[in-house]
N, C-alpha and C. Protein backbone atom coordinates (compact mmCIF):
# COMPACT_ATOMS: atom_id res chain seq x y z
N MET A 1 35.59 -70.17 18.51
CA MET A 1 36.23 -69.06 17.58
C MET A 1 35.88 -67.78 18.30
N SER A 2 36.79 -66.74 17.85
CA SER A 2 36.58 -65.40 18.49
C SER A 2 35.89 -64.40 17.94
N LYS A 3 35.48 -64.98 16.44
CA LYS A 3 34.95 -64.16 15.69
C LYS A 3 33.51 -64.62 15.34
N PRO A 4 32.55 -64.07 14.63
CA PRO A 4 31.20 -64.72 14.44
C PRO A 4 31.30 -65.65 13.24
N ILE A 5 30.74 -66.91 13.25
CA ILE A 5 31.08 -68.09 12.07
C ILE A 5 30.27 -67.54 11.11
N ALA A 6 30.82 -67.58 9.59
CA ALA A 6 30.11 -67.49 8.45
C ALA A 6 29.47 -68.62 8.07
N HIS A 7 30.30 -69.85 8.06
CA HIS A 7 30.10 -71.18 7.74
C HIS A 7 30.88 -72.01 8.15
N GLN A 8 30.73 -73.60 8.36
CA GLN A 8 31.25 -74.60 8.97
C GLN A 8 30.64 -75.86 8.25
N ALA A 9 31.72 -76.68 7.96
CA ALA A 9 31.12 -78.09 7.44
C ALA A 9 32.25 -78.99 7.44
N LYS A 10 32.08 -79.98 7.39
CA LYS A 10 32.82 -81.21 7.44
C LYS A 10 33.06 -81.88 5.82
N LEU A 11 34.34 -81.96 5.69
CA LEU A 11 34.41 -82.79 4.30
C LEU A 11 34.88 -84.19 4.97
N THR A 12 34.29 -85.23 4.34
CA THR A 12 34.70 -86.47 4.51
C THR A 12 36.02 -86.92 3.69
N ASN A 13 36.39 -88.02 4.43
CA ASN A 13 37.65 -88.60 3.53
C ASN A 13 37.51 -88.85 1.92
N ALA A 14 36.23 -89.21 1.78
CA ALA A 14 36.10 -89.54 0.46
C ALA A 14 35.78 -88.50 -0.65
N GLN A 15 35.39 -87.18 0.14
CA GLN A 15 35.32 -85.87 -0.57
C GLN A 15 36.85 -85.50 -0.62
N LEU A 16 37.49 -85.62 0.55
CA LEU A 16 39.17 -84.99 0.36
C LEU A 16 39.79 -86.10 -0.93
N GLY A 17 39.52 -87.18 -0.96
CA GLY A 17 39.95 -87.86 -1.86
C GLY A 17 39.47 -87.36 -3.74
N LYS A 18 38.20 -86.90 -3.89
CA LYS A 18 37.85 -86.47 -5.03
C LYS A 18 38.95 -85.02 -5.27
N MET A 19 38.82 -84.51 -4.12
CA MET A 19 39.83 -83.06 -4.28
C MET A 19 41.09 -83.27 -4.55
N VAL A 20 41.74 -84.33 -4.04
CA VAL A 20 43.02 -84.63 -4.29
C VAL A 20 43.22 -85.03 -6.11
N LYS A 21 42.31 -86.06 -6.26
CA LYS A 21 42.12 -86.39 -7.61
C LYS A 21 42.28 -85.25 -8.73
N ALA A 22 41.10 -84.56 -8.23
CA ALA A 22 40.58 -82.96 -9.04
C ALA A 22 42.31 -82.31 -9.08
N TYR A 23 42.88 -82.17 -8.13
CA TYR A 23 43.93 -81.28 -7.78
C TYR A 23 45.14 -81.77 -8.81
N GLN A 24 45.44 -83.06 -8.74
CA GLN A 24 46.26 -83.70 -9.43
C GLN A 24 46.17 -83.51 -10.98
N LYS A 25 44.98 -83.52 -11.59
CA LYS A 25 44.84 -83.42 -12.59
C LYS A 25 44.74 -81.66 -12.99
N GLY A 26 45.29 -81.10 -12.21
CA GLY A 26 45.41 -79.61 -12.63
C GLY A 26 44.41 -78.47 -12.33
N THR A 27 43.30 -79.18 -11.79
CA THR A 27 41.83 -78.30 -11.42
C THR A 27 42.30 -77.36 -10.40
N THR A 28 41.60 -75.87 -10.69
CA THR A 28 42.12 -74.97 -9.61
C THR A 28 41.60 -75.36 -8.38
N TRP A 29 42.03 -74.81 -7.35
CA TRP A 29 41.11 -74.74 -5.99
C TRP A 29 39.70 -74.13 -6.03
N LEU A 30 39.75 -72.93 -6.52
CA LEU A 30 38.23 -72.46 -6.78
C LEU A 30 37.36 -73.20 -7.42
N SER A 31 37.91 -73.98 -8.40
CA SER A 31 36.95 -74.82 -9.01
C SER A 31 36.79 -76.02 -8.27
N ILE A 32 37.91 -76.66 -7.59
CA ILE A 32 37.40 -77.93 -6.79
C ILE A 32 36.55 -77.57 -5.90
N VAL A 33 36.47 -76.32 -5.05
CA VAL A 33 35.63 -75.85 -4.05
C VAL A 33 34.49 -75.84 -4.57
N SER A 34 34.18 -75.01 -5.86
CA SER A 34 32.77 -74.85 -5.99
C SER A 34 32.04 -75.99 -7.01
N THR A 35 32.79 -77.23 -7.33
CA THR A 35 32.19 -78.13 -7.57
C THR A 35 32.04 -79.23 -6.83
N LEU A 36 33.16 -79.44 -5.97
CA LEU A 36 33.11 -80.63 -5.20
C LEU A 36 32.26 -80.26 -3.60
N VAL A 37 32.60 -79.12 -3.20
CA VAL A 37 31.88 -78.66 -1.95
C VAL A 37 30.69 -77.94 -2.02
N PHE A 38 30.44 -77.10 -2.93
CA PHE A 38 29.12 -76.26 -2.41
C PHE A 38 28.21 -76.78 -3.72
N ALA A 39 28.80 -77.43 -4.95
CA ALA A 39 27.61 -77.71 -5.98
C ALA A 39 26.81 -78.46 -5.40
N GLY A 40 25.40 -77.96 -5.65
CA GLY A 40 24.02 -79.08 -5.41
C GLY A 40 23.95 -79.04 -3.88
N GLY A 41 24.40 -78.59 -3.33
CA GLY A 41 24.27 -78.63 -1.81
C GLY A 41 24.21 -77.24 -1.45
N PRO A 42 24.23 -76.84 0.13
CA PRO A 42 24.23 -75.70 0.93
C PRO A 42 24.83 -74.67 0.31
N THR A 43 24.21 -73.43 -0.09
CA THR A 43 25.38 -72.41 -0.35
C THR A 43 25.82 -71.63 1.07
N ALA A 44 26.98 -70.96 0.82
CA ALA A 44 27.37 -70.15 1.87
C ALA A 44 27.50 -68.93 1.47
N PRO A 45 27.71 -68.45 2.67
CA PRO A 45 27.71 -66.55 2.41
C PRO A 45 28.81 -66.29 1.73
N ALA A 46 28.71 -65.00 0.86
CA ALA A 46 29.56 -64.72 -0.20
C ALA A 46 31.01 -64.71 0.42
N GLY A 47 32.00 -64.97 -0.69
CA GLY A 47 33.32 -64.97 -0.03
C GLY A 47 33.80 -66.48 0.74
N VAL A 48 33.19 -67.25 1.37
CA VAL A 48 33.44 -68.17 1.64
C VAL A 48 34.15 -69.43 0.98
N ALA A 49 33.76 -69.45 -0.49
CA ALA A 49 34.31 -70.43 -1.58
C ALA A 49 35.64 -70.15 -1.76
N THR A 50 35.84 -68.75 -1.96
CA THR A 50 36.78 -68.26 -2.26
C THR A 50 38.16 -68.20 -1.08
N ALA A 51 37.68 -68.28 0.38
CA ALA A 51 38.40 -68.12 1.65
C ALA A 51 38.71 -69.56 1.60
N LEU A 52 37.95 -70.57 1.51
CA LEU A 52 38.19 -71.76 1.44
C LEU A 52 39.35 -72.14 0.59
N ALA A 53 39.22 -71.87 -0.80
CA ALA A 53 40.13 -72.29 -2.01
C ALA A 53 41.59 -71.51 -1.46
N SER A 54 41.29 -70.64 -1.00
CA SER A 54 42.80 -69.99 -0.69
C SER A 54 43.55 -70.82 0.55
N ALA A 55 42.79 -70.91 1.28
CA ALA A 55 43.45 -71.70 2.55
C ALA A 55 43.77 -73.16 2.11
N LEU A 56 42.99 -73.64 1.17
CA LEU A 56 43.56 -75.14 0.61
C LEU A 56 44.83 -74.97 -0.16
N ALA A 57 44.83 -73.96 -1.12
CA ALA A 57 45.96 -73.46 -1.84
C ALA A 57 47.31 -73.23 -0.92
N GLY A 58 47.01 -72.75 0.12
CA GLY A 58 48.33 -72.50 0.99
C GLY A 58 48.84 -73.69 1.53
N SER A 59 48.26 -74.73 1.40
CA SER A 59 49.09 -76.01 2.09
C SER A 59 48.14 -77.23 1.27
N PRO A 60 48.42 -77.54 0.23
CA PRO A 60 47.80 -78.84 -0.45
C PRO A 60 48.30 -79.93 0.04
N ASN A 61 49.65 -79.83 0.38
CA ASN A 61 50.10 -81.10 1.12
C ASN A 61 49.97 -81.68 2.12
N ASN A 62 49.05 -81.14 3.26
CA ASN A 62 48.32 -81.15 4.14
C ASN A 62 46.99 -81.80 4.03
N LEU A 63 46.18 -81.41 3.01
CA LEU A 63 45.06 -82.13 2.58
C LEU A 63 45.51 -83.38 1.95
N ILE A 64 46.41 -83.61 0.94
CA ILE A 64 46.88 -84.82 0.48
C ILE A 64 47.10 -86.06 1.60
N ALA A 65 48.02 -85.56 2.62
CA ALA A 65 48.34 -86.34 3.76
C ALA A 65 47.13 -86.49 4.45
N ALA A 66 46.54 -85.50 4.65
CA ALA A 66 45.17 -86.15 5.73
C ALA A 66 44.30 -87.18 4.91
N TYR A 67 43.94 -87.21 3.55
CA TYR A 67 43.42 -87.77 2.83
C TYR A 67 43.86 -89.29 2.96
N HIS A 68 45.25 -89.37 2.73
CA HIS A 68 46.07 -90.60 2.59
C HIS A 68 46.25 -91.46 4.06
N SER A 69 45.75 -90.55 5.10
CA SER A 69 45.96 -91.00 6.53
C SER A 69 44.45 -91.26 6.95
N GLY A 70 43.30 -91.14 6.06
CA GLY A 70 41.97 -91.44 6.96
C GLY A 70 41.21 -90.59 7.41
N LYS A 71 41.98 -89.25 7.44
CA LYS A 71 41.17 -87.96 8.19
C LYS A 71 40.20 -87.47 7.43
N HIS A 72 39.62 -86.49 8.25
CA HIS A 72 38.28 -85.85 7.53
C HIS A 72 38.69 -83.98 7.73
N ALA A 73 38.20 -83.69 7.21
CA ALA A 73 38.34 -82.10 7.25
C ALA A 73 37.68 -81.36 7.81
N TYR A 74 37.54 -80.46 8.73
CA TYR A 74 36.39 -79.53 9.00
C TYR A 74 37.11 -78.18 8.79
N HIS A 75 36.24 -77.35 8.17
CA HIS A 75 36.41 -76.24 7.84
C HIS A 75 35.44 -75.03 8.51
N VAL A 76 35.95 -74.02 9.07
CA VAL A 76 35.03 -72.91 9.36
C VAL A 76 35.58 -71.50 9.16
N SER A 77 34.78 -70.69 8.48
CA SER A 77 35.09 -69.68 7.84
C SER A 77 34.25 -68.31 8.94
N VAL A 78 35.41 -67.45 9.25
CA VAL A 78 34.63 -66.26 10.39
C VAL A 78 34.62 -65.08 9.43
N TYR A 79 34.10 -64.01 10.05
CA TYR A 79 33.61 -62.93 9.55
C TYR A 79 35.17 -62.05 9.91
N ALA A 80 35.74 -61.72 8.86
CA ALA A 80 37.35 -61.13 9.26
C ALA A 80 37.34 -59.96 10.13
N SER A 81 36.15 -58.91 9.95
CA SER A 81 35.95 -57.58 10.62
C SER A 81 35.63 -58.02 11.92
N GLY A 82 34.95 -59.40 12.29
CA GLY A 82 34.48 -59.49 13.67
C GLY A 82 33.19 -59.13 14.01
N LYS A 83 32.34 -58.55 12.53
CA LYS A 83 31.13 -58.57 12.74
C LYS A 83 30.43 -58.82 11.42
N LYS A 84 29.05 -59.14 11.73
CA LYS A 84 28.30 -59.91 10.60
C LYS A 84 27.29 -59.13 10.22
N PRO A 85 27.01 -58.89 8.93
CA PRO A 85 28.11 -59.57 7.66
C PRO A 85 29.22 -58.60 7.48
N SER A 86 30.04 -59.49 7.05
CA SER A 86 31.23 -58.80 6.14
C SER A 86 31.65 -59.65 5.00
N LEU A 87 32.13 -58.97 4.21
CA LEU A 87 32.53 -59.69 2.84
C LEU A 87 33.79 -60.83 3.05
N SER A 88 34.68 -60.05 3.74
CA SER A 88 35.83 -60.70 3.92
C SER A 88 35.65 -61.69 4.88
N LYS A 89 36.31 -62.99 4.69
CA LYS A 89 36.27 -64.14 5.62
C LYS A 89 37.68 -64.75 5.81
N ILE A 90 37.90 -65.26 7.06
CA ILE A 90 38.88 -65.93 7.19
C ILE A 90 38.81 -67.73 7.70
N THR A 91 39.46 -68.41 6.65
CA THR A 91 39.17 -70.02 6.88
C THR A 91 40.04 -70.66 7.49
N TYR A 92 39.86 -71.51 8.74
CA TYR A 92 40.68 -72.18 9.14
C TYR A 92 40.21 -73.80 8.60
N ILE A 93 41.18 -74.70 8.71
CA ILE A 93 40.83 -76.09 8.26
C ILE A 93 41.56 -76.78 9.35
N TYR A 94 40.62 -78.08 9.67
CA TYR A 94 41.44 -78.74 10.74
C TYR A 94 41.14 -80.12 10.58
N TYR A 95 42.21 -81.08 10.22
CA TYR A 95 42.15 -82.30 9.87
C TYR A 95 42.42 -83.48 10.95
N THR A 96 41.37 -84.31 11.06
CA THR A 96 41.25 -85.19 12.28
C THR A 96 40.29 -86.49 11.80
N LYS A 97 40.43 -87.44 12.81
CA LYS A 97 39.60 -88.60 12.77
C LYS A 97 38.68 -88.19 13.62
N SER A 98 38.57 -87.22 14.55
CA SER A 98 37.72 -86.68 15.66
C SER A 98 36.30 -86.10 14.96
N ASN A 99 35.77 -85.99 15.98
CA ASN A 99 34.39 -85.03 15.36
C ASN A 99 34.43 -83.67 16.06
N LEU A 100 34.71 -82.55 15.27
CA LEU A 100 34.72 -81.12 15.86
C LEU A 100 33.28 -80.43 15.53
N SER A 101 33.29 -79.48 16.43
CA SER A 101 31.96 -78.56 16.39
C SER A 101 32.81 -76.94 16.62
N PHE A 102 32.14 -76.37 16.12
CA PHE A 102 32.76 -74.74 16.76
C PHE A 102 31.57 -73.76 16.72
N ARG A 103 31.74 -73.13 17.68
CA ARG A 103 30.91 -72.11 18.43
C ARG A 103 31.26 -70.59 18.05
N SER A 104 30.12 -69.73 17.64
CA SER A 104 30.57 -68.46 17.72
C SER A 104 30.78 -67.84 19.05
N PRO A 105 31.49 -66.77 19.43
CA PRO A 105 31.29 -66.11 20.72
C PRO A 105 30.18 -65.33 21.30
N ARG A 106 29.95 -65.39 22.21
CA ARG A 106 28.50 -64.84 22.79
C ARG A 106 28.83 -63.23 22.85
């Protein structure tokens, strides 16, 4: 990644399935991310949940297709300004069956 990483995580195919079902019931992406991704687990820096929800809302069909094809999702949020800390984040989502890891620039 060309900017410092604020947060990164893997969403398993089972988690994607729960997200798809919630979306199909009309639940908003921010609610889905808040309850299924970050609830009761590790917290992320401010702005990460909103950035992830925005990224998912921009391409819900990609998540649905990934779920049905057995893929996982890896998401990484970087500081938009390129400096840590920053409230603005940019989130990238990668759907794959392979393991991925991300590194911040040195």
